[in-house]
Amino acid sequence: MNEPEPYIDTVLEQVVALVEADPRSGQSLLFYALFKTLDTEQGGHMYMLRKLRELSADNRRLAYGLMELMARESNRGAAWEDALARIDDAVRGRRYQ
């Protein structure tokens, strides 16, 4: 497994912070879908790339960072699982009721 480059280290935390700040926003839900897709190896990481158009330019850079993590096989392990759990909680309203 390759070590992520330093700029990638912050991608998970940035995405989690964005989703936790407004879990019902369109941007957050797009990230949730991308994150879940990248977490599902058997699904072949199917994500409609045209959905990237709906992200702001800054958020597209974060999305590319998530894709880079997957390409480097860094979409496994404690940091990834913690980020996914936090995003799941936020989107499902477990921490924001």
PDB file of N, CA and C in Angstrom:
ATOM      1  N   MET A   1       0.848  -1.176   0.000  1.00  0.00           N
ATOM      2  CA  MET A   1       0.000   0.000   0.000  1.00  0.00           C
ATOM      3  C   MET A   1       0.891   1.236   0.000  1.00  0.00           C
ATOM      4  N   ASN A   2       0.616   2.177  -0.866  1.00  0.00           N
ATOM      5  CA  ASN A   2       1.383   3.412  -0.956  1.00  0.00           C
ATOM      6  C   ASN A   2       0.974   4.390   0.131  1.00  0.00           C
ATOM      7  N   GLU A   3       1.949   5.156   0.590  1.00  0.00           N
ATOM      8  CA  GLU A   3       1.658   6.213   1.554  1.00  0.00           C
ATOM      9  C   GLU A   3       1.093   7.407   0.798  1.00  0.00           C
ATOM     10  N   PRO A   4       0.032   8.023   1.300  1.00  0.00           N
ATOM     11  CA  PRO A   4      -0.516   9.196   0.627  1.00  0.00           C
ATOM     12  C   PRO A   4       0.434  10.388   0.748  1.00  0.00           C
ATOM     13  N   GLU A   5       0.412  11.249  -0.256  1.00  0.00           N
ATOM     14  CA  GLU A   5       1.218  12.458  -0.203  1.00  0.00           C
ATOM     15  C   GLU A   5       0.631  13.398   0.834  1.00  0.00           C
ATOM     16  N   PRO A   6       1.449  14.335   1.333  1.00  0.00           N
ATOM     17  CA  PRO A   6       0.991  15.206   2.431  1.00  0.00           C
ATOM     18  C   PRO A   6      -0.326  15.930   2.159  1.00  0.00           C
ATOM     19  N   TYR A   7      -0.564  16.432   0.937  1.00  0.00           N
ATOM     20  CA  TYR A   7      -1.816  17.147   0.690  1.00  0.00           C
ATOM     21  C   TYR A   7      -3.035  16.230   0.789  1.00  0.00           C
ATOM     22  N   ILE A   8      -2.838  14.946   0.558  1.00  0.00           N
ATOM     23  CA  ILE A   8      -3.936  13.989   0.635  1.00  0.00           C
ATOM     24  C   ILE A   8      -4.342  13.733   2.084  1.00  0.00           C
ATOM     25  N   ASP A   9      -3.393  13.854   3.000  1.00  0.00           N
ATOM     26  CA  ASP A   9      -3.673  13.577   4.412  1.00  0.00           C
ATOM     27  C   ASP A   9      -4.865  14.363   4.932  1.00  0.00           C
ATOM     28  N   THR A  10      -5.061  15.546   4.431  1.00  0.00           N
ATOM     29  CA  THR A  10      -6.142  16.399   4.935  1.00  0.00           C
ATOM     30  C   THR A  10      -7.454  16.209   4.201  1.00  0.00           C
ATOM     31  N   VAL A  11      -7.455  15.469   3.113  1.00  0.00           N
ATOM     32  CA  VAL A  11      -8.672  15.316   2.311  1.00  0.00           C
ATOM     33  C   VAL A  11      -9.815  14.729   3.133  1.00  0.00           C
ATOM     34  N   LEU A  12      -9.556  13.652   3.843  1.00  0.00           N
ATOM     35  CA  LEU A  12     -10.627  13.023   4.619  1.00  0.00           C
ATOM     36  C   LEU A  12     -11.215  13.998   5.629  1.00  0.00           C
ATOM     37  N   GLU A  13     -10.361  14.698   6.360  1.00  0.00           N
ATOM     38  CA  GLU A  13     -10.860  15.628   7.376  1.00  0.00           C
ATOM     39  C   GLU A  13     -11.626  16.787   6.744  1.00  0.00           C
ATOM     40  N   GLN A  14     -11.175  17.270   5.602  1.00  0.00           N
ATOM     41  CA  GLN A  14     -11.885  18.359   4.924  1.00  0.00           C
ATOM     42  C   GLN A  14     -13.261  17.921   4.456  1.00  0.00           C
ATOM     43  N   VAL A  15     -13.348  16.727   3.898  1.00  0.00           N
ATOM     44  CA  VAL A  15     -14.647  16.223   3.432  1.00  0.00           C
ATOM     45  C   VAL A  15     -15.576  15.993   4.621  1.00  0.00           C
ATOM     46  N   VAL A  16     -15.069  15.400   5.681  1.00  0.00           N
ATOM     47  CA  VAL A  16     -15.887  15.169   6.871  1.00  0.00           C
ATOM     48  C   VAL A  16     -16.397  16.500   7.427  1.00  0.00           C
ATOM     49  N   ALA A  17     -15.529  17.494   7.529  1.00  0.00           N
ATOM     50  CA  ALA A  17     -15.935  18.802   8.062  1.00  0.00           C
ATOM     51  C   ALA A  17     -17.014  19.435   7.195  1.00  0.00           C
ATOM     52  N   LEU A  18     -16.870  19.332   5.882  1.00  0.00           N
ATOM     53  CA  LEU A  18     -17.866  19.891   4.971  1.00  0.00           C
ATOM     54  C   LEU A  18     -19.216  19.214   5.172  1.00  0.00           C
ATOM     55  N   VAL A  19     -19.216  17.890   5.259  1.00  0.00           N
ATOM     56  CA  VAL A  19     -20.471  17.150   5.417  1.00  0.00           C
ATOM     57  C   VAL A  19     -21.085  17.419   6.787  1.00  0.00           C
ATOM     58  N   GLU A  20     -20.270  17.415   7.825  1.00  0.00           N
ATOM     59  CA  GLU A  20     -20.799  17.648   9.166  1.00  0.00           C
ATOM     60  C   GLU A  20     -21.363  19.061   9.314  1.00  0.00           C
ATOM     61  N   ALA A  21     -20.816  20.023   8.592  1.00  0.00           N
ATOM     62  CA  ALA A  21     -21.294  21.406   8.681  1.00  0.00           C
ATOM     63  C   ALA A  21     -22.697  21.565   8.112  1.00  0.00           C
ATOM     64  N   ASP A  22     -23.014  20.814   7.068  1.00  0.00           N
ATOM     65  CA  ASP A  22     -24.335  20.924   6.432  1.00  0.00           C
ATOM     66  C   ASP A  22     -24.673  19.596   5.761  1.00  0.00           C
ATOM     67  N   PRO A  23     -25.049  18.597   6.546  1.00  0.00           N
ATOM     68  CA  PRO A  23     -25.222  17.248   6.010  1.00  0.00           C
ATOM     69  C   PRO A  23     -26.346  17.089   4.995  1.00  0.00           C
ATOM     70  N   ARG A  24     -27.238  18.033   4.883  1.00  0.00           N
ATOM     71  CA  ARG A  24     -28.356  17.919   3.934  1.00  0.00           C
ATOM     72  C   ARG A  24     -28.130  18.713   2.643  1.00  0.00           C
ATOM     73  N   SER A  25     -26.984  19.380   2.529  1.00  0.00           N
ATOM     74  CA  SER A  25     -26.725  20.163   1.316  1.00  0.00           C
ATOM     75  C   SER A  25     -26.451  19.229   0.137  1.00  0.00           C
ATOM     76  N   GLY A  26     -26.665  19.743  -1.041  1.00  0.00           N
ATOM     77  CA  GLY A  26     -26.391  18.967  -2.248  1.00  0.00           C
ATOM     78  C   GLY A  26     -24.934  18.546  -2.337  1.00  0.00           C
ATOM     79  N   GLN A  27     -24.021  19.450  -1.984  1.00  0.00           N
ATOM     80  CA  GLN A  27     -22.599  19.141  -2.024  1.00  0.00           C
ATOM     81  C   GLN A  27     -22.267  17.987  -1.071  1.00  0.00           C
ATOM     82  N   SER A  28     -22.833  18.041   0.126  1.00  0.00           N
ATOM     83  CA  SER A  28     -22.578  16.981   1.110  1.00  0.00           C
ATOM     84  C   SER A  28     -23.098  15.642   0.622  1.00  0.00           C
ATOM     85  N   LEU A  29     -24.275  15.641   0.041  1.00  0.00           N
ATOM     86  CA  LEU A  29     -24.861  14.386  -0.436  1.00  0.00           C
ATOM     87  C   LEU A  29     -24.078  13.815  -1.622  1.00  0.00           C
ATOM     88  N   LEU A  30     -23.529  14.696  -2.463  1.00  0.00           N
ATOM     89  CA  LEU A  30     -22.671  14.224  -3.552  1.00  0.00           C
ATOM     90  C   LEU A  30     -21.407  13.575  -2.994  1.00  0.00           C
ATOM     91  N   PHE A  31     -20.820  14.194  -1.969  1.00  0.00           N
ATOM     92  CA  PHE A  31     -19.640  13.600  -1.340  1.00  0.00           C
ATOM     93  C   PHE A  31     -19.982  12.271  -0.673  1.00  0.00           C
ATOM     94  N   TYR A  32     -21.134  12.216  -0.047  1.00  0.00           N
ATOM     95  CA  TYR A  32     -21.562  10.969   0.598  1.00  0.00           C
ATOM     96  C   TYR A  32     -21.645   9.849  -0.447  1.00  0.00           C
ATOM     97  N   ALA A  33     -22.258  10.136  -1.571  1.00  0.00           N
ATOM     98  CA  ALA A  33     -22.386   9.130  -2.631  1.00  0.00           C
ATOM     99  C   ALA A  33     -21.010   8.717  -3.158  1.00  0.00           C
ATOM    100  N   LEU A  34     -20.128   9.681  -3.353  1.00  0.00           N
ATOM    101  CA  LEU A  34     -18.789   9.366  -3.838  1.00  0.00           C
ATOM    102  C   LEU A  34     -18.032   8.531  -2.811  1.00  0.00           C
ATOM    103  N   PHE A  35     -18.102   8.937  -1.556  1.00  0.00           N
ATOM    104  CA  PHE A  35     -17.406   8.218  -0.492  1.00  0.00           C
ATOM    105  C   PHE A  35     -17.889   6.775  -0.412  1.00  0.00           C
ATOM    106  N   LYS A  36     -19.214   6.575  -0.435  1.00  0.00           N
ATOM    107  CA  LYS A  36     -19.772   5.222  -0.366  1.00  0.00           C
ATOM    108  C   LYS A  36     -19.361   4.401  -1.588  1.00  0.00           C
ATOM    109  N   THR A  37     -19.320   5.038  -2.752  1.00  0.00           N
ATOM    110  CA  THR A  37     -18.915   4.348  -3.968  1.00  0.00           C
ATOM    111  C   THR A  37     -17.461   3.897  -3.868  1.00  0.00           C
ATOM    112  N   LEU A  38     -16.587   4.777  -3.393  1.00  0.00           N
ATOM    113  CA  LEU A  38     -15.171   4.433  -3.280  1.00  0.00           C
ATOM    114  C   LEU A  38     -14.925   3.398  -2.195  1.00  0.00           C
ATOM    115  N   ASP A  39     -15.867   3.250  -1.292  1.00  0.00           N
ATOM    116  CA  ASP A  39     -15.739   2.272  -0.213  1.00  0.00           C
ATOM    117  C   ASP A  39     -16.206   0.887  -0.641  1.00  0.00           C
ATOM    118  N   THR A  40     -16.883   0.787  -1.777  1.00  0.00           N
ATOM    119  CA  THR A  40     -17.478  -0.474  -2.222  1.00  0.00           C
ATOM    120  C   THR A  40     -16.681  -1.034  -3.391  1.00  0.00           C
ATOM    121  N   GLU A  41     -15.698  -1.826  -3.074  1.00  0.00           N
ATOM    122  CA  GLU A  41     -14.813  -2.406  -4.091  1.00  0.00           C
ATOM    123  C   GLU A  41     -15.584  -3.259  -5.097  1.00  0.00           C
ATOM    124  N   GLN A  42     -16.532  -4.057  -4.612  1.00  0.00           N
ATOM    125  CA  GLN A  42     -17.274  -4.964  -5.486  1.00  0.00           C
ATOM    126  C   GLN A  42     -18.124  -4.209  -6.510  1.00  0.00           C
ATOM    127  N   GLY A  43     -18.469  -2.981  -6.218  1.00  0.00           N
ATOM    128  CA  GLY A  43     -19.276  -2.190  -7.142  1.00  0.00           C
ATOM    129  C   GLY A  43     -18.473  -1.607  -8.280  1.00  0.00           C
ATOM    130  N   GLY A  44     -17.173  -1.857  -8.286  1.00  0.00           N
ATOM    131  CA  GLY A  44     -16.342  -1.333  -9.352  1.00  0.00           C
ATOM    132  C   GLY A  44     -16.176   0.177  -9.260  1.00  0.00           C
ATOM    133  N   HIS A  45     -16.485   0.732  -8.109  1.00  0.00           N
ATOM    134  CA  HIS A  45     -16.368   2.175  -7.890  1.00  0.00           C
ATOM    135  C   HIS A  45     -17.170   2.962  -8.933  1.00  0.00           C
ATOM    136  N   MET A  46     -18.415   2.551  -9.132  1.00  0.00           N
ATOM    137  CA  MET A  46     -19.275   3.204 -10.108  1.00  0.00           C
ATOM    138  C   MET A  46     -19.832   4.509  -9.545  1.00  0.00           C
ATOM    139  N   TYR A  47     -19.505   5.603 -10.187  1.00  0.00           N
ATOM    140  CA  TYR A  47     -19.978   6.936  -9.803  1.00  0.00           C
ATOM    141  C   TYR A  47     -20.146   7.706 -11.093  1.00  0.00           C
ATOM    142  N   MET A  48     -21.276   8.356 -11.237  1.00  0.00           N
ATOM    143  CA  MET A  48     -21.509   9.108 -12.467  1.00  0.00           C
ATOM    144  C   MET A  48     -20.603  10.335 -12.474  1.00  0.00           C
ATOM    145  N   LEU A  49     -19.609  10.302 -13.337  1.00  0.00           N
ATOM    146  CA  LEU A  49     -18.628  11.378 -13.360  1.00  0.00           C
ATOM    147  C   LEU A  49     -19.240  12.738 -13.674  1.00  0.00           C
ATOM    148  N   ARG A  50     -20.357  12.758 -14.369  1.00  0.00           N
ATOM    149  CA  ARG A  50     -20.966  14.060 -14.648  1.00  0.00           C
ATOM    150  C   ARG A  50     -21.468  14.732 -13.369  1.00  0.00           C
ATOM    151  N   LYS A  51     -21.628  13.939 -12.291  1.00  0.00           N
ATOM    152  CA  LYS A  51     -21.998  14.527 -10.996  1.00  0.00           C
ATOM    153  C   LYS A  51     -20.912  15.467 -10.493  1.00  0.00           C
ATOM    154  N   LEU A  52     -19.677  15.270 -10.942  1.00  0.00           N
ATOM    155  CA  LEU A  52     -18.600  16.177 -10.547  1.00  0.00           C
ATOM    156  C   LEU A  52     -18.890  17.616 -10.975  1.00  0.00           C
ATOM    157  N   ARG A  53     -19.650  17.784 -12.042  1.00  0.00           N
ATOM    158  CA  ARG A  53     -20.024  19.132 -12.504  1.00  0.00           C
ATOM    159  C   ARG A  53     -20.838  19.884 -11.465  1.00  0.00           C
ATOM    160  N   GLU A  54     -21.534  19.148 -10.616  1.00  0.00           N
ATOM    161  CA  GLU A  54     -22.396  19.775  -9.616  1.00  0.00           C
ATOM    162  C   GLU A  54     -21.621  20.241  -8.387  1.00  0.00           C
ATOM    163  N   LEU A  55     -20.364  19.832  -8.284  1.00  0.00           N
ATOM    164  CA  LEU A  55     -19.530  20.280  -7.176  1.00  0.00           C
ATOM    165  C   LEU A  55     -18.864  21.606  -7.528  1.00  0.00           C
ATOM    166  N   SER A  56     -18.630  22.435  -6.526  1.00  0.00           N
ATOM    167  CA  SER A  56     -17.864  23.661  -6.759  1.00  0.00           C
ATOM    168  C   SER A  56     -16.436  23.265  -7.134  1.00  0.00           C
ATOM    169  N   ALA A  57     -15.684  24.197  -7.695  1.00  0.00           N
ATOM    170  CA  ALA A  57     -14.307  23.900  -8.108  1.00  0.00           C
ATOM    171  C   ALA A  57     -13.473  23.412  -6.919  1.00  0.00           C
ATOM    172  N   ASP A  58     -13.595  24.065  -5.776  1.00  0.00           N
ATOM    173  CA  ASP A  58     -12.845  23.635  -4.591  1.00  0.00           C
ATOM    174  C   ASP A  58     -13.261  22.234  -4.155  1.00  0.00           C
ATOM    175  N   ASN A  59     -14.549  21.956  -4.199  1.00  0.00           N
ATOM    176  CA  ASN A  59     -15.019  20.643  -3.788  1.00  0.00           C
ATOM    177  C   ASN A  59     -14.646  19.563  -4.795  1.00  0.00           C
ATOM    178  N   ARG A  60     -14.539  19.931  -6.082  1.00  0.00           N
ATOM    179  CA  ARG A  60     -14.057  18.954  -7.062  1.00  0.00           C
ATOM    180  C   ARG A  60     -12.628  18.540  -6.728  1.00  0.00           C
ATOM    181  N   ARG A  61     -11.811  19.485  -6.277  1.00  0.00           N
ATOM    182  CA  ARG A  61     -10.442  19.140  -5.889  1.00  0.00           C
ATOM    183  C   ARG A  61     -10.446  18.130  -4.732  1.00  0.00           C
ATOM    184  N   LEU A  62     -11.368  18.317  -3.786  1.00  0.00           N
ATOM    185  CA  LEU A  62     -11.498  17.340  -2.699  1.00  0.00           C
ATOM    186  C   LEU A  62     -11.941  15.980  -3.237  1.00  0.00           C
ATOM    187  N   ALA A  63     -12.882  15.991  -4.177  1.00  0.00           N
ATOM    188  CA  ALA A  63     -13.348  14.733  -4.779  1.00  0.00           C
ATOM    189  C   ALA A  63     -12.192  14.020  -5.478  1.00  0.00           C
ATOM    190  N   TYR A  64     -11.362  14.776  -6.193  1.00  0.00           N
ATOM    191  CA  TYR A  64     -10.208  14.176  -6.857  1.00  0.00           C
ATOM    192  C   TYR A  64      -9.247  13.602  -5.817  1.00  0.00           C
ATOM    193  N   GLY A  65      -9.139  14.275  -4.674  1.00  0.00           N
ATOM    194  CA  GLY A  65      -8.307  13.760  -3.591  1.00  0.00           C
ATOM    195  C   GLY A  65      -8.816  12.429  -3.069  1.00  0.00           C
ATOM    196  N   LEU A  66     -10.145  12.315  -2.917  1.00  0.00           N
ATOM    197  CA  LEU A  66     -10.723  11.036  -2.495  1.00  0.00           C
ATOM    198  C   LEU A  66     -10.440   9.944  -3.527  1.00  0.00           C
ATOM    199  N   MET A  67     -10.553  10.295  -4.805  1.00  0.00           N
ATOM    200  CA  MET A  67     -10.277   9.321  -5.858  1.00  0.00           C
ATOM    201  C   MET A  67      -8.809   8.904  -5.836  1.00  0.00           C
ATOM    202  N   GLU A  68      -7.932   9.857  -5.536  1.00  0.00           N
ATOM    203  CA  GLU A  68      -6.505   9.536  -5.439  1.00  0.00           C
ATOM    204  C   GLU A  68      -6.253   8.570  -4.277  1.00  0.00           C
ATOM    205  N   LEU A  69      -6.940   8.787  -3.163  1.00  0.00           N
ATOM    206  CA  LEU A  69      -6.805   7.857  -2.046  1.00  0.00           C
ATOM    207  C   LEU A  69      -7.190   6.443  -2.467  1.00  0.00           C
ATOM    208  N   MET A  70      -8.291   6.325  -3.221  1.00  0.00           N
ATOM    209  CA  MET A  70      -8.721   5.017  -3.698  1.00  0.00           C
ATOM    210  C   MET A  70      -7.673   4.430  -4.650  1.00  0.00           C
ATOM    211  N   ALA A  71      -7.137   5.246  -5.548  1.00  0.00           N
ATOM    212  CA  ALA A  71      -6.144   4.769  -6.505  1.00  0.00           C
ATOM    213  C   ALA A  71      -4.882   4.265  -5.802  1.00  0.00           C
ATOM    214  N   ARG A  72      -4.561   4.864  -4.656  1.00  0.00           N
ATOM    215  CA  ARG A  72      -3.385   4.454  -3.886  1.00  0.00           C
ATOM    216  C   ARG A  72      -3.717   3.364  -2.861  1.00  0.00           C
ATOM    217  N   GLU A  73      -4.943   2.855  -2.951  1.00  0.00           N
ATOM    218  CA  GLU A  73      -5.422   1.824  -2.026  1.00  0.00           C
ATOM    219  C   GLU A  73      -5.408   2.304  -0.579  1.00  0.00           C
ATOM    220  N   SER A  74      -5.642   3.594  -0.411  1.00  0.00           N
ATOM    221  CA  SER A  74      -5.717   4.178   0.934  1.00  0.00           C
ATOM    222  C   SER A  74      -7.161   4.366   1.377  1.00  0.00           C
ATOM    223  N   ASN A  75      -8.092   3.735   0.673  1.00  0.00           N
ATOM    224  CA  ASN A  75      -9.502   3.811   1.059  1.00  0.00           C
ATOM    225  C   ASN A  75      -9.875   2.630   1.949  1.00  0.00           C
ATOM    226  N   ARG A  76      -8.938   2.250   2.774  1.00  0.00           N
ATOM    227  CA  ARG A  76      -9.118   1.219   3.792  1.00  0.00           C
ATOM    228  C   ARG A  76      -8.363   1.682   5.032  1.00  0.00           C
ATOM    229  N   GLY A  77      -8.695   1.097   6.157  1.00  0.00           N
ATOM    230  CA  GLY A  77      -7.956   1.410   7.364  1.00  0.00           C
ATOM    231  C   GLY A  77      -8.718   2.325   8.305  1.00  0.00           C
ATOM    232  N   ALA A  78      -8.102   2.605   9.424  1.00  0.00           N
ATOM    233  CA  ALA A  78      -8.769   3.326  10.510  1.00  0.00           C
ATOM    234  C   ALA A  78      -9.210   4.730  10.110  1.00  0.00           C
ATOM    235  N   ALA A  79      -8.362   5.492   9.437  1.00  0.00           N
ATOM    236  CA  ALA A  79      -8.716   6.871   9.078  1.00  0.00           C
ATOM    237  C   ALA A  79      -9.909   6.897   8.132  1.00  0.00           C
ATOM    238  N   TRP A  80      -9.891   6.019   7.129  1.00  0.00           N
ATOM    239  CA  TRP A  80     -10.999   5.944   6.166  1.00  0.00           C
ATOM    240  C   TRP A  80     -12.281   5.515   6.876  1.00  0.00           C
ATOM    241  N   GLU A  81     -12.200   4.468   7.683  1.00  0.00           N
ATOM    242  CA  GLU A  81     -13.392   3.950   8.369  1.00  0.00           C
ATOM    243  C   GLU A  81     -13.972   4.987   9.338  1.00  0.00           C
ATOM    244  N   ASP A  82     -13.108   5.713  10.041  1.00  0.00           N
ATOM    245  CA  ASP A  82     -13.579   6.761  10.944  1.00  0.00           C
ATOM    246  C   ASP A  82     -14.282   7.870  10.168  1.00  0.00           C
ATOM    247  N   ALA A  83     -13.680   8.289   9.054  1.00  0.00           N
ATOM    248  CA  ALA A  83     -14.300   9.337   8.230  1.00  0.00           C
ATOM    249  C   ALA A  83     -15.651   8.871   7.701  1.00  0.00           C
ATOM    250  N   LEU A  84     -15.727   7.645   7.229  1.00  0.00           N
ATOM    251  CA  LEU A  84     -16.986   7.113   6.715  1.00  0.00           C
ATOM    252  C   LEU A  84     -18.047   7.059   7.813  1.00  0.00           C
ATOM    253  N   ALA A  85     -17.669   6.628   9.003  1.00  0.00           N
ATOM    254  CA  ALA A  85     -18.627   6.573  10.116  1.00  0.00           C
ATOM    255  C   ALA A  85     -19.140   7.961  10.468  1.00  0.00           C
ATOM    256  N   ARG A  86     -18.268   8.952  10.477  1.00  0.00           N
ATOM    257  CA  ARG A  86     -18.684  10.320  10.794  1.00  0.00           C
ATOM    258  C   ARG A  86     -19.621  10.883   9.723  1.00  0.00           C
ATOM    259  N   ILE A  87     -19.319  10.595   8.466  1.00  0.00           N
ATOM    260  CA  ILE A  87     -20.177  11.064   7.367  1.00  0.00           C
ATOM    261  C   ILE A  87     -21.527  10.352   7.433  1.00  0.00           C
ATOM    262  N   ASP A  88     -21.512   9.050   7.666  1.00  0.00           N
ATOM    263  CA  ASP A  88     -22.774   8.304   7.823  1.00  0.00           C
ATOM    264  C   ASP A  88     -23.617   8.917   8.937  1.00  0.00           C
ATOM    265  N   ASP A  89     -23.002   9.156  10.088  1.00  0.00           N
ATOM    266  CA  ASP A  89     -23.732   9.738  11.219  1.00  0.00           C
ATOM    267  C   ASP A  89     -24.321  11.091  10.858  1.00  0.00           C
ATOM    268  N   ALA A  90     -23.543  11.918  10.196  1.00  0.00           N
ATOM    269  CA  ALA A  90     -24.020  13.260   9.847  1.00  0.00           C
ATOM    270  C   ALA A  90     -25.197  13.193   8.877  1.00  0.00           C
ATOM    271  N   VAL A  91     -25.043  12.432   7.809  1.00  0.00           N
ATOM    272  CA  VAL A  91     -26.085  12.355   6.779  1.00  0.00           C
ATOM    273  C   VAL A  91     -27.351  11.699   7.313  1.00  0.00           C
ATOM    274  N   ARG A  92     -27.196  10.727   8.181  1.00  0.00           N
ATOM    275  CA  ARG A  92     -28.359  10.046   8.743  1.00  0.00           C
ATOM    276  C   ARG A  92     -28.943  10.769   9.950  1.00  0.00           C
ATOM    277  N   GLY A  93     -28.324  11.882  10.329  1.00  0.00           N
ATOM    278  CA  GLY A  93     -28.875  12.719  11.401  1.00  0.00           C
ATOM    279  C   GLY A  93     -28.639  12.216  12.796  1.00  0.00           C
ATOM    280  N   ARG A  94     -27.709  11.302  12.960  1.00  0.00           N
ATOM    281  CA  ARG A  94     -27.479  10.743  14.292  1.00  0.00           C
ATOM    282  C   ARG A  94     -26.795  11.724  15.233  1.00  0.00           C
ATOM    283  N   ARG A  95     -26.128  12.723  14.704  1.00  0.00           N
ATOM    284  CA  ARG A  95     -25.453  13.695  15.549  1.00  0.00           C
ATOM    285  C   ARG A  95     -26.071  15.082  15.439  1.00  0.00           C
ATOM    286  N   TYR A  96     -27.051  15.222  14.597  1.00  0.00           N
ATOM    287  CA  TYR A  96     -27.598  16.553  14.300  1.00  0.00           C
ATOM    288  C   TYR A  96     -29.111  16.596  14.457  1.00  0.00           C
ATOM    289  N   GLN A  97     -29.635  15.991  15.491  1.00  0.00           N
ATOM    290  CA  GLN A  97     -31.093  15.993  15.675  1.00  0.00           C
ATOM    291  C   GLN A  97     -31.498  17.094  16.597  1.00  0.00           C
TER     292      GLN A  97
END
